[in-house]
Every structure is written in C-alpha cells, then in structure tokens.
C-alpha cells in the first residue's frame, strides 16, 4: 500500500479538514486571461487558528501540527517540536555530509 502527494488527494484532505470543523477557502488573483493563478493560497480557519498553505495536503499537515501542539498563547515558534535535526540526518543518509570542505 502507498500514498503520494498528488492533486487527486486534495478533496480527501479538504473533507477531513471540514469534518474537523475548519472553514475552508482558496484565494488569489486570476491571471490576465482569467485562469486560476499558479500562486494561489489555501486557508483553513476555525475559532482558534488560521492555517495557510500552498495546497490542501500541506493545509492538512499544518492542522496536524496544530492538533499536536495546541498552543495556549500566540508565541514565536509555538509549533516547534524539540529534538534531533531529522532533516539533516535524512539528507546526510541520502547524500553524505554537506559543507565539510
């Protein structure tokens, strides 16, 4: 079984967000020829938080972070989960150390 980030997953993400009580919208200026802009944004809002993302998959990911952290105040970096730098670990596992000239 597998699942990939693709536009065919967007509606599932939006349905999950709506089921969780988020109000959803998408926003951006149409192009000169009336097409949907490539740089539009997706929003999910409830009475606690507004989330903004480039696509519904990212929006659902931000909702998961919010659910996990549930901040009590709007403080800088409230969303951080402390621990090892997994980003660097994975990059080094894939391609070796960077910047060790």
PDB file of N, CA and C in Angstrom:
ATOM      1  N   UNK A   1       0.841  -1.164   0.000  1.00  0.00           N
ATOM      2  CA  UNK A   1       0.000   0.000   0.000  1.00  0.00           C
ATOM      3  C   UNK A   1       0.893   1.236   0.000  1.00  0.00           C
ATOM      4  N   UNK A   2       0.484   2.275  -0.746  1.00  0.00           N
ATOM      5  CA  UNK A   2       1.249   3.518  -0.761  1.00  0.00           C
ATOM      6  C   UNK A   2       0.296   4.688  -0.973  1.00  0.00           C
ATOM      7  N   UNK A   3       0.788   5.865  -0.673  1.00  0.00           N
ATOM      8  CA  UNK A   3       0.035   7.099  -0.869  1.00  0.00           C
ATOM      9  C   UNK A   3       1.041   8.176  -1.220  1.00  0.00           C
ATOM     10  N   UNK A   4       0.739   8.972  -2.225  1.00  0.00           N
ATOM     11  CA  UNK A   4       1.660  10.010  -2.676  1.00  0.00           C
ATOM     12  C   UNK A   4       0.996  11.370  -2.665  1.00  0.00           C
ATOM     13  N   UNK A   5       1.806  12.388  -2.544  1.00  0.00           N
ATOM     14  CA  UNK A   5       1.326  13.762  -2.627  1.00  0.00           C
ATOM     15  C   UNK A   5       0.960  14.057  -4.081  1.00  0.00           C
ATOM     16  N   UNK A   6      -0.322  14.249  -4.340  1.00  0.00           N
ATOM     17  CA  UNK A   6      -0.809  14.497  -5.690  1.00  0.00           C
ATOM     18  C   UNK A   6      -2.151  15.217  -5.592  1.00  0.00           C
ATOM     19  N   UNK A   7      -2.514  15.922  -6.632  1.00  0.00           N
ATOM     20  CA  UNK A   7      -3.781  16.660  -6.639  1.00  0.00           C
ATOM     21  C   UNK A   7      -4.998  15.758  -6.444  1.00  0.00           C
ATOM     22  N   UNK A   8      -4.871  14.472  -6.775  1.00  0.00           N
ATOM     23  CA  UNK A   8      -6.023  13.589  -6.598  1.00  0.00           C
ATOM     24  C   UNK A   8      -6.305  13.268  -5.135  1.00  0.00           C
ATOM     25  N   UNK A   9      -5.458  13.754  -4.215  1.00  0.00           N
ATOM     26  CA  UNK A   9      -5.655  13.571  -2.777  1.00  0.00           C
ATOM     27  C   UNK A   9      -6.278  14.831  -2.154  1.00  0.00           C
ATOM     28  N   UNK A  10      -6.326  15.922  -2.896  1.00  0.00           N
ATOM     29  CA  UNK A  10      -6.771  17.200  -2.349  1.00  0.00           C
ATOM     30  C   UNK A  10      -8.165  17.134  -1.719  1.00  0.00           C
ATOM     31  N   UNK A  11      -9.149  16.575  -2.418  1.00  0.00           N
ATOM     32  CA  UNK A  11     -10.503  16.549  -1.875  1.00  0.00           C
ATOM     33  C   UNK A  11     -10.592  15.757  -0.583  1.00  0.00           C
ATOM     34  N   UNK A  12      -9.845  14.684  -0.475  1.00  0.00           N
ATOM     35  CA  UNK A  12      -9.834  13.924   0.775  1.00  0.00           C
ATOM     36  C   UNK A  12      -9.318  14.795   1.910  1.00  0.00           C
ATOM     37  N   UNK A  13      -8.237  15.529   1.675  1.00  0.00           N
ATOM     38  CA  UNK A  13      -7.693  16.426   2.689  1.00  0.00           C
ATOM     39  C   UNK A  13      -8.706  17.493   3.079  1.00  0.00           C
ATOM     40  N   UNK A  14      -9.367  18.073   2.083  1.00  0.00           N
ATOM     41  CA  UNK A  14     -10.355  19.115   2.356  1.00  0.00           C
ATOM     42  C   UNK A  14     -11.551  18.558   3.123  1.00  0.00           C
ATOM     43  N   UNK A  15     -11.977  17.363   2.795  1.00  0.00           N
ATOM     44  CA  UNK A  15     -13.083  16.733   3.536  1.00  0.00           C
ATOM     45  C   UNK A  15     -12.710  16.492   4.996  1.00  0.00           C
ATOM     46  N   UNK A  16     -11.490  16.021   5.225  1.00  0.00           N
ATOM     47  CA  UNK A  16     -11.023  15.784   6.602  1.00  0.00           C
ATOM     48  C   UNK A  16     -10.990  17.096   7.372  1.00  0.00           C
ATOM     49  N   UNK A  17     -10.464  18.138   6.749  1.00  0.00           N
ATOM     50  CA  UNK A  17     -10.408  19.442   7.410  1.00  0.00           C
ATOM     51  C   UNK A  17     -11.806  19.962   7.728  1.00  0.00           C
ATOM     52  N   UNK A  18     -12.719  19.836   6.796  1.00  0.00           N
ATOM     53  CA  UNK A  18     -14.091  20.288   7.032  1.00  0.00           C
ATOM     54  C   UNK A  18     -14.740  19.466   8.146  1.00  0.00           C
ATOM     55  N   UNK A  19     -14.512  18.157   8.159  1.00  0.00           N
ATOM     56  CA  UNK A  19     -15.040  17.310   9.234  1.00  0.00           C
ATOM     57  C   UNK A  19     -14.499  17.733  10.596  1.00  0.00           C
ATOM     58  N   UNK A  20     -13.275  18.270  10.617  1.00  0.00           N
ATOM     59  CA  UNK A  20     -12.658  18.736  11.864  1.00  0.00           C
ATOM     60  C   UNK A  20     -13.122  20.138  12.249  1.00  0.00           C
ATOM     61  N   UNK A  21     -14.049  20.704  11.490  1.00  0.00           N
ATOM     62  CA  UNK A  21     -14.635  21.986  11.849  1.00  0.00           C
ATOM     63  C   UNK A  21     -13.977  23.208  11.242  1.00  0.00           C
ATOM     64  N   UNK A  22     -13.094  23.025  10.275  1.00  0.00           N
ATOM     65  CA  UNK A  22     -12.442  24.164   9.645  1.00  0.00           C
ATOM     66  C   UNK A  22     -13.312  24.744   8.542  1.00  0.00           C
ATOM     67  N   UNK A  23     -13.316  26.073   8.461  1.00  0.00           N
ATOM     68  CA  UNK A  23     -13.907  26.765   7.328  1.00  0.00           C
ATOM     69  C   UNK A  23     -12.807  26.875   6.284  1.00  0.00           C
ATOM     70  N   UNK A  24     -13.109  26.544   5.050  1.00  0.00           N
ATOM     71  CA  UNK A  24     -12.091  26.471   4.001  1.00  0.00           C
ATOM     72  C   UNK A  24     -12.319  27.534   2.942  1.00  0.00           C
ATOM     73  N   UNK A  25     -11.204  28.021   2.386  1.00  0.00           N
ATOM     74  CA  UNK A  25     -11.284  28.911   1.228  1.00  0.00           C
ATOM     75  C   UNK A  25      -9.959  28.870   0.474  1.00  0.00           C
ATOM     76  N   UNK A  26     -10.042  29.288  -0.770  1.00  0.00           N
ATOM     77  CA  UNK A  26      -8.855  29.424  -1.612  1.00  0.00           C
ATOM     78  C   UNK A  26      -8.877  30.840  -2.156  1.00  0.00           C
ATOM     79  N   UNK A  27      -7.697  31.463  -2.321  1.00  0.00           N
ATOM     80  CA  UNK A  27      -7.660  32.862  -2.707  1.00  0.00           C
ATOM     81  C   UNK A  27      -6.441  33.140  -3.574  1.00  0.00           C
ATOM     82  N   UNK A  28      -6.599  34.057  -4.475  1.00  0.00           N
ATOM     83  CA  UNK A  28      -5.529  34.500  -5.348  1.00  0.00           C
ATOM     84  C   UNK A  28      -6.129  35.265  -6.510  1.00  0.00           C
ATOM     85  N   UNK A  29      -5.362  36.121  -7.128  1.00  0.00           N
ATOM     86  CA  UNK A  29      -5.845  36.918  -8.246  1.00  0.00           C
ATOM     87  C   UNK A  29      -5.778  36.114  -9.533  1.00  0.00           C
ATOM     88  N   UNK A  30      -6.876  36.131 -10.283  1.00  0.00           N
ATOM     89  CA  UNK A  30      -6.879  35.460 -11.580  1.00  0.00           C
ATOM     90  C   UNK A  30      -5.831  36.089 -12.489  1.00  0.00           C
ATOM     91  N   UNK A  31      -5.306  35.287 -13.387  1.00  0.00           N
ATOM     92  CA  UNK A  31      -4.340  35.811 -14.350  1.00  0.00           C
ATOM     93  C   UNK A  31      -5.055  36.736 -15.332  1.00  0.00           C
ATOM     94  N   UNK A  32      -4.301  37.450 -16.146  1.00  0.00           N
ATOM     95  CA  UNK A  32      -4.886  38.387 -17.106  1.00  0.00           C
ATOM     96  C   UNK A  32      -5.865  37.713 -18.059  1.00  0.00           C
ATOM     97  N   UNK A  33      -5.642  36.435 -18.346  1.00  0.00           N
ATOM     98  CA  UNK A  33      -6.549  35.727 -19.250  1.00  0.00           C
ATOM     99  C   UNK A  33      -7.652  34.974 -18.500  1.00  0.00           C
ATOM    100  N   UNK A  34      -7.802  35.243 -17.203  1.00  0.00           N
ATOM    101  CA  UNK A  34      -8.909  34.669 -16.437  1.00  0.00           C
ATOM    102  C   UNK A  34      -8.662  33.290 -15.867  1.00  0.00           C
ATOM    103  N   UNK A  35      -7.435  32.814 -15.902  1.00  0.00           N
ATOM    104  CA  UNK A  35      -7.114  31.479 -15.385  1.00  0.00           C
ATOM    105  C   UNK A  35      -6.803  31.544 -13.888  1.00  0.00           C
ATOM    106  N   UNK A  36      -6.941  30.387 -13.232  1.00  0.00           N
ATOM    107  CA  UNK A  36      -6.575  30.287 -11.820  1.00  0.00           C
ATOM    108  C   UNK A  36      -5.074  30.496 -11.702  1.00  0.00           C
ATOM    109  N   UNK A  37      -4.641  31.346 -10.784  1.00  0.00           N
ATOM    110  CA  UNK A  37      -3.212  31.635 -10.681  1.00  0.00           C
ATOM    111  C   UNK A  37      -2.427  30.462 -10.106  1.00  0.00           C
ATOM    112  N   UNK A  38      -1.196  30.332 -10.540  1.00  0.00           N
ATOM    113  CA  UNK A  38      -0.337  29.267 -10.020  1.00  0.00           C
ATOM    114  C   UNK A  38       0.027  29.525  -8.567  1.00  0.00           C
ATOM    115  N   UNK A  39       0.021  30.779  -8.149  1.00  0.00           N
ATOM    116  CA  UNK A  39       0.443  31.129  -6.795  1.00  0.00           C
ATOM    117  C   UNK A  39      -0.734  31.456  -5.865  1.00  0.00           C
ATOM    118  N   UNK A  40      -1.799  30.686  -5.951  1.00  0.00           N
ATOM    119  CA  UNK A  40      -2.924  30.898  -5.043  1.00  0.00           C
ATOM    120  C   UNK A  40      -2.670  30.185  -3.715  1.00  0.00           C
ATOM    121  N   UNK A  41      -3.411  30.583  -2.691  1.00  0.00           N
ATOM    122  CA  UNK A  41      -3.226  30.015  -1.365  1.00  0.00           C
ATOM    123  C   UNK A  41      -4.515  29.384  -0.854  1.00  0.00           C
ATOM    124  N   UNK A  42      -4.359  28.380  -0.010  1.00  0.00           N
ATOM    125  CA  UNK A  42      -5.457  27.664   0.626  1.00  0.00           C
ATOM    126  C   UNK A  42      -5.489  28.051   2.103  1.00  0.00           C
ATOM    127  N   UNK A  43      -6.696  28.246   2.626  1.00  0.00           N
ATOM    128  CA  UNK A  43      -6.863  28.658   4.017  1.00  0.00           C
ATOM    129  C   UNK A  43      -7.830  27.720   4.729  1.00  0.00           C
ATOM    130  N   UNK A  44      -7.525  27.406   5.970  1.00  0.00           N
ATOM    131  CA  UNK A  44      -8.416  26.660   6.855  1.00  0.00           C
ATOM    132  C   UNK A  44      -8.470  27.445   8.160  1.00  0.00           C
ATOM    133  N   UNK A  45      -9.673  27.808   8.585  1.00  0.00           N
ATOM    134  CA  UNK A  45      -9.834  28.645   9.760  1.00  0.00           C
ATOM    135  C   UNK A  45     -10.880  28.033  10.683  1.00  0.00           C
ATOM    136  N   UNK A  46     -10.586  28.071  11.965  1.00  0.00           N
ATOM    137  CA  UNK A  46     -11.604  27.750  12.963  1.00  0.00           C
ATOM    138  C   UNK A  46     -11.551  28.844  14.025  1.00  0.00           C
ATOM    139  N   UNK A  47     -12.223  28.661  15.139  1.00  0.00           N
ATOM    140  CA  UNK A  47     -12.254  29.724  16.146  1.00  0.00           C
ATOM    141  C   UNK A  47     -10.943  29.845  16.909  1.00  0.00           C
ATOM    142  N   UNK A  48      -9.948  29.017  16.602  1.00  0.00           N
ATOM    143  CA  UNK A  48      -8.666  29.032  17.307  1.00  0.00           C
ATOM    144  C   UNK A  48      -7.487  29.455  16.445  1.00  0.00           C
ATOM    145  N   UNK A  49      -7.526  29.155  15.148  1.00  0.00           N
ATOM    146  CA  UNK A  49      -6.331  29.319  14.326  1.00  0.00           C
ATOM    147  C   UNK A  49      -6.706  29.528  12.858  1.00  0.00           C
ATOM    148  N   UNK A  50      -5.830  30.249  12.126  1.00  0.00           N
ATOM    149  CA  UNK A  50      -5.918  30.303  10.674  1.00  0.00           C
ATOM    150  C   UNK A  50      -4.674  29.654  10.105  1.00  0.00           C
ATOM    151  N   UNK A  51      -4.859  28.691   9.236  1.00  0.00           N
ATOM    152  CA  UNK A  51      -3.761  27.984   8.583  1.00  0.00           C
ATOM    153  C   UNK A  51      -3.718  28.409   7.122  1.00  0.00           C
ATOM    154  N   UNK A  52      -2.515  28.583   6.574  1.00  0.00           N
ATOM    155  CA  UNK A  52      -2.330  28.992   5.181  1.00  0.00           C
ATOM    156  C   UNK A  52      -1.303  28.071   4.548  1.00  0.00           C
ATOM    157  N   UNK A  53      -1.606  27.583   3.334  1.00  0.00           N
ATOM    158  CA  UNK A  53      -0.699  26.649   2.667  1.00  0.00           C
ATOM    159  C   UNK A  53      -0.791  26.805   1.155  1.00  0.00           C
ATOM    160  N   UNK A  54       0.154  26.154   0.479  1.00  0.00           N
ATOM    161  CA  UNK A  54       0.177  26.163  -0.983  1.00  0.00           C
ATOM    162  C   UNK A  54      -0.779  25.143  -1.588  1.00  0.00           C
ATOM    163  N   UNK A  55      -1.202  24.150  -0.800  1.00  0.00           N
ATOM    164  CA  UNK A  55      -2.124  23.133  -1.313  1.00  0.00           C
ATOM    165  C   UNK A  55      -2.824  22.450  -0.136  1.00  0.00           C
ATOM    166  N   UNK A  56      -3.903  21.720  -0.395  1.00  0.00           N
ATOM    167  CA  UNK A  56      -4.655  21.082   0.687  1.00  0.00           C
ATOM    168  C   UNK A  56      -3.877  20.031   1.476  1.00  0.00           C
ATOM    169  N   UNK A  57      -2.910  19.373   0.869  1.00  0.00           N
ATOM    170  CA  UNK A  57      -2.114  18.393   1.605  1.00  0.00           C
ATOM    171  C   UNK A  57      -1.296  19.101   2.677  1.00  0.00           C
ATOM    172  N   UNK A  58      -0.665  20.202   2.299  1.00  0.00           N
ATOM    173  CA  UNK A  58       0.088  20.987   3.275  1.00  0.00           C
ATOM    174  C   UNK A  58      -0.835  21.548   4.349  1.00  0.00           C
ATOM    175  N   UNK A  59      -2.034  21.962   3.950  1.00  0.00           N
ATOM    176  CA  UNK A  59      -3.003  22.506   4.901  1.00  0.00           C
ATOM    177  C   UNK A  59      -3.355  21.471   5.963  1.00  0.00           C
ATOM    178  N   UNK A  60      -3.577  20.236   5.544  1.00  0.00           N
ATOM    179  CA  UNK A  60      -3.870  19.162   6.490  1.00  0.00           C
ATOM    180  C   UNK A  60      -2.668  18.884   7.388  1.00  0.00           C
ATOM    181  N   UNK A  61      -1.469  18.980   6.847  1.00  0.00           N
ATOM    182  CA  UNK A  61      -0.263  18.813   7.654  1.00  0.00           C
ATOM    183  C   UNK A  61      -0.150  19.881   8.728  1.00  0.00           C
ATOM    184  N   UNK A  62      -0.464  21.133   8.375  1.00  0.00           N
ATOM    185  CA  UNK A  62      -0.438  22.208   9.365  1.00  0.00           C
ATOM    186  C   UNK A  62      -1.489  21.985  10.448  1.00  0.00           C
ATOM    187  N   UNK A  63      -2.664  21.476  10.046  1.00  0.00           N
ATOM    188  CA  UNK A  63      -3.702  21.168  11.033  1.00  0.00           C
ATOM    189  C   UNK A  63      -3.224  20.079  11.991  1.00  0.00           C
ATOM    190  N   UNK A  64      -2.479  19.112  11.474  1.00  0.00           N
ATOM    191  CA  UNK A  64      -1.938  18.051  12.332  1.00  0.00           C
ATOM    192  C   UNK A  64      -0.942  18.626  13.338  1.00  0.00           C
ATOM    193  N   UNK A  65      -0.103  19.564  12.900  1.00  0.00           N
ATOM    194  CA  UNK A  65       0.833  20.212  13.819  1.00  0.00           C
ATOM    195  C   UNK A  65       0.062  20.979  14.882  1.00  0.00           C
ATOM    196  N   UNK A  66      -0.943  21.732  14.460  1.00  0.00           N
ATOM    197  CA  UNK A  66      -1.738  22.489  15.421  1.00  0.00           C
ATOM    198  C   UNK A  66      -2.401  21.547  16.432  1.00  0.00           C
ATOM    199  N   UNK A  67      -2.994  20.470  15.950  1.00  0.00           N
ATOM    200  CA  UNK A  67      -3.636  19.494  16.849  1.00  0.00           C
ATOM    201  C   UNK A  67      -2.633  18.903  17.833  1.00  0.00           C
ATOM    202  N   UNK A  68      -1.423  18.663  17.382  1.00  0.00           N
ATOM    203  CA  UNK A  68      -0.384  18.059  18.229  1.00  0.00           C
ATOM    204  C   UNK A  68       0.106  19.020  19.298  1.00  0.00           C
ATOM    205  N   UNK A  69       0.275  20.288  18.929  1.00  0.00           N
ATOM    206  CA  UNK A  69       0.871  21.264  19.837  1.00  0.00           C
ATOM    207  C   UNK A  69      -0.161  22.025  20.684  1.00  0.00           C
ATOM    208  N   UNK A  70      -1.314  22.313  20.149  1.00  0.00           N
ATOM    209  CA  UNK A  70      -2.374  23.077  20.838  1.00  0.00           C
ATOM    210  C   UNK A  70      -1.794  24.198  21.699  1.00  0.00           C
ATOM    211  N   UNK A  71      -1.269  25.244  21.072  1.00  0.00           N
ATOM    212  CA  UNK A  71      -0.646  26.325  21.847  1.00  0.00           C
ATOM    213  C   UNK A  71      -1.661  27.032  22.737  1.00  0.00           C
ATOM    214  N   UNK A  72      -1.196  27.521  23.874  1.00  0.00           N
ATOM    215  CA  UNK A  72      -2.069  28.267  24.780  1.00  0.00           C
ATOM    216  C   UNK A  72      -1.935  29.768  24.548  1.00  0.00           C
ATOM    217  N   UNK A  73      -0.905  30.189  23.826  1.00  0.00           N
ATOM    218  CA  UNK A  73      -0.694  31.603  23.511  1.00  0.00           C
ATOM    219  C   UNK A  73      -0.026  31.713  22.146  1.00  0.00           C
ATOM    220  N   UNK A  74      -0.208  32.860  21.512  1.00  0.00           N
ATOM    221  CA  UNK A  74       0.418  33.113  20.214  1.00  0.00           C
ATOM    222  C   UNK A  74       1.842  33.597  20.452  1.00  0.00           C
ATOM    223  N   UNK A  75       2.736  32.643  20.624  1.00  0.00           N
ATOM    224  CA  UNK A  75       4.138  32.936  20.886  1.00  0.00           C
ATOM    225  C   UNK A  75       4.971  32.522  19.682  1.00  0.00           C
ATOM    226  N   UNK A  76       6.140  33.159  19.484  1.00  0.00           N
ATOM    227  CA  UNK A  76       7.001  32.762  18.371  1.00  0.00           C
ATOM    228  C   UNK A  76       7.373  31.277  18.459  1.00  0.00           C
ATOM    229  N   UNK A  77       7.338  30.629  17.339  1.00  0.00           N
ATOM    230  CA  UNK A  77       7.755  29.227  17.204  1.00  0.00           C
ATOM    231  C   UNK A  77       6.980  28.275  18.114  1.00  0.00           C
ATOM    232  N   UNK A  78       5.708  28.567  18.365  1.00  0.00           N
ATOM    233  CA  UNK A  78       4.882  27.675  19.190  1.00  0.00           C
ATOM    234  C   UNK A  78       4.777  26.288  18.582  1.00  0.00           C
ATOM    235  N   UNK A  79       4.997  26.163  17.310  1.00  0.00           N
ATOM    236  CA  UNK A  79       4.815  24.928  16.565  1.00  0.00           C
ATOM    237  C   UNK A  79       6.015  23.980  16.620  1.00  0.00           C
ATOM    238  N   UNK A  80       7.124  24.418  17.190  1.00  0.00           N
ATOM    239  CA  UNK A  80       8.348  23.610  17.202  1.00  0.00           C
ATOM    240  C   UNK A  80       8.191  22.389  18.111  1.00  0.00           C
ATOM    241  N   UNK A  81       8.599  21.245  17.597  1.00  0.00           N
ATOM    242  CA  UNK A  81       8.733  20.020  18.396  1.00  0.00           C
ATOM    243  C   UNK A  81      10.231  19.819  18.604  1.00  0.00           C
ATOM    244  N   UNK A  82      10.670  19.891  19.840  1.00  0.00           N
ATOM    245  CA  UNK A  82      12.097  19.801  20.153  1.00  0.00           C
ATOM    246  C   UNK A  82      12.636  18.400  19.880  1.00  0.00           C
ATOM    247  N   UNK A  83      13.907  18.331  19.517  1.00  0.00           N
ATOM    248  CA  UNK A  83      14.548  17.045  19.299  1.00  0.00           C
ATOM    249  C   UNK A  83      15.672  17.138  18.284  1.00  0.00           C
ATOM    250  N   UNK A  84      16.125  15.995  17.847  1.00  0.00           N
ATOM    251  CA  UNK A  84      17.220  15.905  16.879  1.00  0.00           C
ATOM    252  C   UNK A  84      16.844  16.558  15.557  1.00  0.00           C
ATOM    253  N   UNK A  85      17.851  16.945  14.783  1.00  0.00           N
ATOM    254  CA  UNK A  85      17.643  17.538  13.464  1.00  0.00           C
ATOM    255  C   UNK A  85      17.473  16.409  12.445  1.00  0.00           C
ATOM    256  N   UNK A  86      16.256  15.965  12.287  1.00  0.00           N
ATOM    257  CA  UNK A  86      15.953  14.838  11.400  1.00  0.00           C
ATOM    258  C   UNK A  86      16.165  15.226   9.937  1.00  0.00           C
ATOM    259  N   UNK A  87      15.903  16.478   9.602  1.00  0.00           N
ATOM    260  CA  UNK A  87      16.123  16.968   8.232  1.00  0.00           C
ATOM    261  C   UNK A  87      17.567  16.690   7.816  1.00  0.00           C
ATOM    262  N   UNK A  88      18.528  17.171   8.608  1.00  0.00           N
ATOM    263  CA  UNK A  88      19.940  16.947   8.290  1.00  0.00           C
ATOM    264  C   UNK A  88      20.286  15.461   8.283  1.00  0.00           C
ATOM    265  N   UNK A  89      19.760  14.725   9.237  1.00  0.00           N
ATOM    266  CA  UNK A  89      20.022  13.283   9.318  1.00  0.00           C
ATOM    267  C   UNK A  89      19.616  12.575   8.031  1.00  0.00           C
ATOM    268  N   UNK A  90      18.430  12.877   7.535  1.00  0.00           N
ATOM    269  CA  UNK A  90      17.943  12.220   6.322  1.00  0.00           C
ATOM    270  C   UNK A  90      18.751  12.636   5.096  1.00  0.00           C
ATOM    271  N   UNK A  91      19.086  13.912   5.010  1.00  0.00           N
ATOM    272  CA  UNK A  91      19.912  14.379   3.889  1.00  0.00           C
ATOM    273  C   UNK A  91      21.288  13.713   3.918  1.00  0.00           C
ATOM    274  N   UNK A  92      21.882  13.652   5.092  1.00  0.00           N
ATOM    275  CA  UNK A  92      23.200  13.012   5.198  1.00  0.00           C
ATOM    276  C   UNK A  92      23.119  11.523   4.885  1.00  0.00           C
ATOM    277  N   UNK A  93      22.045  10.857   5.304  1.00  0.00           N
ATOM    278  CA  UNK A  93      21.870   9.438   4.979  1.00  0.00           C
ATOM    279  C   UNK A  93      21.734   9.227   3.475  1.00  0.00           C
ATOM    280  N   UNK A  94      21.097  10.185   2.809  1.00  0.00           N
ATOM    281  CA  UNK A  94      20.885  10.055   1.367  1.00  0.00           C
ATOM    282  C   UNK A  94      22.110  10.453   0.559  1.00  0.00           C
ATOM    283  N   UNK A  95      22.811  11.542   0.976  1.00  0.00           N
ATOM    284  CA  UNK A  95      23.859  12.106   0.138  1.00  0.00           C
ATOM    285  C   UNK A  95      25.174  12.373   0.841  1.00  0.00           C
ATOM    286  N   UNK A  96      25.292  12.016   2.094  1.00  0.00           N
ATOM    287  CA  UNK A  96      26.526  12.270   2.826  1.00  0.00           C
ATOM    288  C   UNK A  96      26.531  13.670   3.423  1.00  0.00           C
ATOM    289  N   UNK A  97      27.541  13.977   4.218  1.00  0.00           N
ATOM    290  CA  UNK A  97      27.614  15.282   4.870  1.00  0.00           C
ATOM    291  C   UNK A  97      27.762  16.427   3.882  1.00  0.00           C
ATOM    292  N   UNK A  98      27.161  17.552   4.225  1.00  0.00           N
ATOM    293  CA  UNK A  98      27.256  18.762   3.407  1.00  0.00           C
ATOM    294  C   UNK A  98      28.117  19.776   4.139  1.00  0.00           C
ATOM    295  N   UNK A  99      28.773  20.625   3.404  1.00  0.00           N
ATOM    296  CA  UNK A  99      29.504  21.735   3.975  1.00  0.00           C
ATOM    297  C   UNK A  99      30.748  21.368   4.751  1.00  0.00           C
ATOM    298  N   UNK A 100      31.286  20.173   4.548  1.00  0.00           N
ATOM    299  CA  UNK A 100      32.508  19.760   5.243  1.00  0.00           C
ATOM    300  C   UNK A 100      33.701  19.921   4.299  1.00  0.00           C
ATOM    301  N   UNK A 101      33.916  21.155   3.812  1.00  0.00           N
ATOM    302  CA  UNK A 101      35.007  21.405   2.848  1.00  0.00           C
ATOM    303  C   UNK A 101      36.348  21.410   3.541  1.00  0.00           C
TER     304      UNK A 101
END
